[in-house]
Amino acid sequence: MPRVLLIEDDPAVREGVALGLRRQNHEVAAVPTGEEGMDRLRSFRPDVVVLDLMLPGMSGLDVCRAVRSVDQTLPIIMATARGDDVDIVVGLEAGADDYVVKPVQARVLDARIRAVLRRAGGAAAGDGGLPKIETYGELTVDRAGLSVTVRGTPVQLAPSELRLLLTLSASPGQVFSRQQLLEAVWEHSYHGDARLVDACVKRLRAKMGDPPREPLYIQTVRGFGYRFAAR
């Protein structure tokens, strides 16, 4: 049973979302503030965090950064009000794996939660037959161990970051559109939000030390999407 830490200050929303998730067979700990959320993070040990961005006191963005400072791999889904475009971009760049717009139905949130958990525990689609350990310059990708190193130093990646890297590096030189990456990594079958892809690429490059102006590994194909540099 997935363990969900829900951080939401609105009592009605918090109770409604928690009830809906419990009906979808999730174990839920629901708290009203970021400070309480950080406390429960240590005691509850969730599989995923659902985080309201507009929190009193410690903001949702501060919570997101604080979680990432202690755990780079824990999936985070942020909940935003419709139209908070700047907050969405900042939240994604701060380390959130996905987002939902409030009000959100429990079955929609359940689907997003299960998708991020699959990313956390699964390999990239289409990697059958590939070597389990691949080396690209100073970058090493262990597909079996789901780990990444740069110059021998482990790089801690969030589930969406790891899955994006595995997907791109499975086909070096192949250009993927943002929509293709949304479907492969985030399982968004509809016309999704390209900001998820762009923010994830930005975080991934930063963690790998890949210079954004002249990237060695993940290259931007202007007007279309991204490709992993061919060897």
Protein backbone atom coordinates (compact mmCIF):
# COMPACT_ATOMS: atom_id res chain seq x y z
CA MET A 1 0.00 0.00 0.00
CA PRO A 2 1.69 3.27 -1.10
CA ARG A 3 2.38 5.68 1.73
CA VAL A 4 1.42 9.25 0.82
CA LEU A 5 2.41 12.32 2.80
CA LEU A 6 -0.14 15.03 1.99
CA ILE A 7 0.81 18.60 2.95
CA GLU A 8 -2.20 20.88 2.46
CA ASP A 9 -3.31 23.82 4.62
CA ASP A 10 -6.99 23.96 3.57
CA PRO A 11 -8.83 21.62 5.99
CA ALA A 12 -11.65 20.78 3.57
CA VAL A 13 -9.26 20.04 0.70
CA ARG A 14 -6.92 18.10 2.98
CA GLU A 15 -9.67 15.92 4.38
CA GLY A 16 -11.29 15.39 0.98
CA VAL A 17 -8.07 14.43 -0.78
CA ALA A 18 -6.96 12.18 2.09
CA LEU A 19 -10.31 10.38 2.10
CA GLY A 20 -10.23 9.95 -1.67
CA LEU A 21 -6.68 8.55 -1.60
CA ARG A 22 -7.53 6.14 1.21
CA ARG A 23 -10.41 4.85 -0.91
CA GLN A 24 -7.82 4.27 -3.66
CA ASN A 25 -5.88 2.06 -1.18
CA HIS A 26 -3.21 4.52 -0.14
CA GLU A 27 -1.95 4.94 3.41
CA VAL A 28 -2.13 8.69 4.00
CA ALA A 29 -0.61 11.04 6.54
CA ALA A 30 -2.14 14.50 6.12
CA VAL A 31 -0.67 17.64 7.75
CA PRO A 32 -1.48 21.36 7.39
CA THR A 33 1.99 22.99 7.35
CA GLY A 34 5.38 22.55 5.81
CA GLU A 35 7.01 22.35 9.21
CA GLU A 36 4.76 19.44 10.25
CA GLY A 37 5.35 17.88 6.86
CA MET A 38 9.12 17.86 7.41
CA ASP A 39 8.59 16.28 10.84
CA ARG A 40 6.34 13.56 9.41
CA LEU A 41 8.80 12.95 6.60
CA ARG A 42 11.18 11.41 9.10
CA SER A 43 8.62 9.40 11.10
CA PHE A 44 6.14 8.37 8.37
CA ARG A 45 8.75 7.57 5.67
CA PRO A 46 6.41 8.15 2.72
CA ASP A 47 6.73 6.70 -0.77
CA VAL A 48 5.55 9.98 -2.29
CA VAL A 49 4.83 13.55 -1.14
CA VAL A 50 1.83 15.53 -2.40
CA LEU A 51 2.63 19.15 -1.67
CA ASP A 52 0.49 22.29 -1.82
CA LEU A 53 2.64 25.19 -3.01
CA MET A 54 0.63 27.90 -1.21
CA LEU A 55 1.33 27.04 2.42
CA PRO A 56 1.46 29.43 5.38
CA GLY A 57 4.83 29.75 7.10
CA MET A 58 7.26 27.44 5.35
CA SER A 59 6.18 27.66 1.71
CA GLY A 60 5.65 24.71 -0.58
CA LEU A 61 8.77 25.67 -2.54
CA ASP A 62 10.81 25.77 0.66
CA VAL A 63 9.47 22.33 1.60
CA CYS A 64 10.32 21.00 -1.86
CA ARG A 65 13.90 22.28 -1.57
CA ALA A 66 14.19 20.96 2.00
CA VAL A 67 13.01 17.50 0.96
CA ARG A 68 15.46 17.47 -1.93
CA SER A 69 18.30 18.47 0.41
CA VAL A 70 17.81 15.24 2.37
CA ASP A 71 16.34 12.92 -0.27
CA GLN A 72 16.97 13.29 -4.00
CA THR A 73 14.89 10.26 -4.97
CA LEU A 74 11.59 10.69 -3.09
CA PRO A 75 8.84 11.51 -5.63
CA ILE A 76 7.15 14.90 -5.11
CA ILE A 77 3.88 15.93 -6.74
CA MET A 78 2.98 19.57 -6.20
CA ALA A 79 -0.59 20.85 -6.19
CA THR A 80 -1.11 24.31 -7.62
CA ALA A 81 -3.95 26.71 -8.28
CA ARG A 82 -4.90 27.14 -11.92
CA GLY A 83 -2.90 29.93 -13.54
CA ASP A 84 0.10 29.79 -11.19
CA ASP A 85 2.41 29.37 -14.18
CA VAL A 86 5.45 30.97 -12.57
CA ASP A 87 5.04 28.86 -9.44
CA ILE A 88 4.73 25.73 -11.56
CA VAL A 89 8.01 26.44 -13.35
CA VAL A 90 9.81 27.36 -10.12
CA GLY A 91 8.40 24.29 -8.38
CA LEU A 92 9.51 21.96 -11.13
CA GLU A 93 12.97 23.50 -11.18
CA ALA A 94 13.12 23.12 -7.38
CA GLY A 95 12.78 19.38 -7.79
CA ALA A 96 9.10 18.40 -8.04
CA ASP A 97 8.50 15.41 -10.31
CA ASP A 98 5.01 16.29 -11.48
CA TYR A 99 2.14 18.63 -10.67
CA VAL A 100 -1.65 18.67 -10.54
CA VAL A 101 -3.97 21.66 -10.74
CA LYS A 102 -6.49 22.07 -7.93
CA PRO A 103 -9.23 21.08 -7.52
CA VAL A 104 -8.02 17.60 -8.39
CA GLN A 105 -10.07 14.41 -8.39
CA ALA A 106 -8.76 11.56 -6.26
CA ARG A 107 -8.61 9.15 -9.20
CA VAL A 108 -6.50 11.65 -11.18
CA LEU A 109 -4.13 12.14 -8.27
CA ASP A 110 -4.06 8.37 -7.73
CA ALA A 111 -3.00 7.88 -11.36
CA ARG A 112 -0.21 10.48 -11.02
CA ILE A 113 0.98 8.89 -7.77
CA ARG A 114 1.13 5.42 -9.29
CA ALA A 115 2.96 6.83 -12.33
CA VAL A 116 5.69 8.49 -10.26
CA LEU A 117 6.05 5.32 -8.19
CA ARG A 118 6.50 3.27 -11.35
CA ARG A 119 9.20 5.73 -12.42
CA ALA A 120 10.82 5.36 -9.02
CA GLY A 121 11.05 1.60 -9.31
CA GLY A 122 11.22 0.85 -13.00
CA ALA A 123 13.64 1.04 -15.88
CA ALA A 124 13.12 3.02 -19.05
CA ALA A 125 10.84 1.76 -21.73
CA GLY A 126 12.53 0.22 -24.70
CA ASP A 127 15.82 -0.70 -23.00
CA GLY A 128 15.63 -4.41 -23.79
CA GLY A 129 18.87 -5.78 -25.17
CA LEU A 130 20.97 -2.80 -24.12
CA PRO A 131 24.17 -3.24 -22.12
CA LYS A 132 23.44 -3.02 -18.42
CA ILE A 133 26.28 -0.57 -17.85
CA GLU A 134 27.04 2.13 -20.40
CA THR A 135 29.78 4.74 -20.39
CA TYR A 136 29.59 8.07 -22.20
CA GLY A 137 32.76 10.03 -21.55
CA GLU A 138 32.76 10.73 -17.81
CA LEU A 139 29.14 9.61 -17.43
CA THR A 140 28.27 6.02 -16.50
CA VAL A 141 24.70 4.73 -16.54
CA ASP A 142 23.93 1.45 -14.79
CA ARG A 143 20.57 0.33 -16.17
CA ALA A 144 20.31 -2.73 -13.95
CA GLY A 145 21.29 -0.95 -10.76
CA LEU A 146 19.40 2.24 -11.71
CA SER A 147 22.40 4.37 -10.77
CA VAL A 148 24.43 7.10 -12.43
CA THR A 149 27.96 8.32 -11.80
CA VAL A 150 30.02 11.18 -13.18
CA ARG A 151 33.81 10.72 -12.92
CA GLY A 152 33.05 7.87 -10.52
CA THR A 153 30.96 10.01 -8.18
CA PRO A 154 27.36 8.87 -7.66
CA VAL A 155 24.69 11.30 -8.88
CA GLN A 156 21.43 11.17 -6.93
CA LEU A 157 18.54 11.57 -9.34
CA ALA A 158 14.82 11.95 -8.73
CA PRO A 159 12.68 9.26 -10.41
CA SER A 160 11.64 11.47 -13.33
CA GLU A 161 15.25 12.58 -13.89
CA LEU A 162 16.52 8.99 -13.92
CA ARG A 163 13.77 7.79 -16.22
CA LEU A 164 14.35 10.70 -18.60
CA LEU A 165 18.08 9.92 -18.77
CA LEU A 166 17.42 6.21 -19.31
CA THR A 167 14.91 6.95 -22.05
CA LEU A 168 17.16 9.37 -23.95
CA SER A 169 20.35 7.34 -23.56
CA ALA A 170 18.60 4.18 -24.77
CA SER A 171 18.68 5.69 -28.29
CA PRO A 172 21.71 7.98 -28.67
CA GLY A 173 21.31 10.41 -31.53
CA GLN A 174 17.54 9.95 -31.77
CA VAL A 175 15.53 13.15 -31.42
CA PHE A 176 12.56 12.94 -29.06
CA SER A 177 9.80 15.53 -29.08
CA ARG A 178 8.67 16.89 -25.74
CA GLN A 179 5.35 15.10 -26.19
CA GLN A 180 7.13 11.80 -26.82
CA LEU A 181 9.13 12.30 -23.63
CA LEU A 182 6.00 13.23 -21.67
CA GLU A 183 4.41 9.96 -22.74
CA ALA A 184 7.52 7.85 -22.13
CA VAL A 185 8.58 9.36 -18.82
CA TRP A 186 5.49 10.90 -17.22
CA GLU A 187 2.91 8.63 -18.92
CA HIS A 188 0.93 11.68 -20.01
CA SER A 189 -1.05 10.32 -22.97
CA TYR A 190 -2.78 13.65 -23.58
CA HIS A 191 -1.13 16.81 -24.93
CA GLY A 192 0.82 17.53 -21.80
CA ASP A 193 2.86 20.37 -20.40
CA ALA A 194 6.32 20.74 -21.98
CA ARG A 195 7.49 22.58 -18.88
CA LEU A 196 7.77 19.23 -17.11
CA VAL A 197 10.34 18.12 -19.69
CA ASP A 198 12.27 21.40 -19.85
CA ALA A 199 12.53 21.71 -16.06
CA CYS A 200 13.61 18.08 -15.71
CA VAL A 201 16.30 18.48 -18.39
CA LYS A 202 17.57 21.60 -16.61
CA ARG A 203 17.85 19.76 -13.27
CA LEU A 204 19.43 16.73 -14.90
CA ARG A 205 22.08 18.79 -16.68
CA ALA A 206 22.90 20.62 -13.46
CA LYS A 207 23.34 17.38 -11.50
CA MET A 208 25.50 15.81 -14.21
CA GLY A 209 27.58 18.97 -14.63
CA ASP A 210 26.46 19.17 -18.26
CA PRO A 211 26.95 22.81 -19.39
CA PRO A 212 23.59 24.10 -20.69
CA ARG A 213 25.11 26.25 -23.43
CA GLU A 214 27.19 23.43 -24.90
CA PRO A 215 25.81 20.22 -23.37
CA LEU A 216 27.86 17.06 -23.74
CA TYR A 217 25.03 14.61 -23.13
CA ILE A 218 21.50 16.01 -23.46
CA GLN A 219 21.31 18.31 -26.46
CA THR A 220 18.44 20.63 -27.33
CA VAL A 221 17.01 20.34 -30.84
CA ARG A 222 15.49 23.76 -31.30
CA GLY A 223 11.80 23.73 -32.13
CA PHE A 224 11.44 19.99 -31.51
CA GLY A 225 12.89 18.47 -28.38
CA TYR A 226 15.99 16.72 -27.10
CA ARG A 227 18.47 14.00 -27.98
CA PHE A 228 21.23 12.17 -26.18
CA ALA A 229 24.58 12.81 -27.84
CA ALA A 230 25.70 9.92 -30.03
CA ARG A 231 28.97 8.33 -29.02
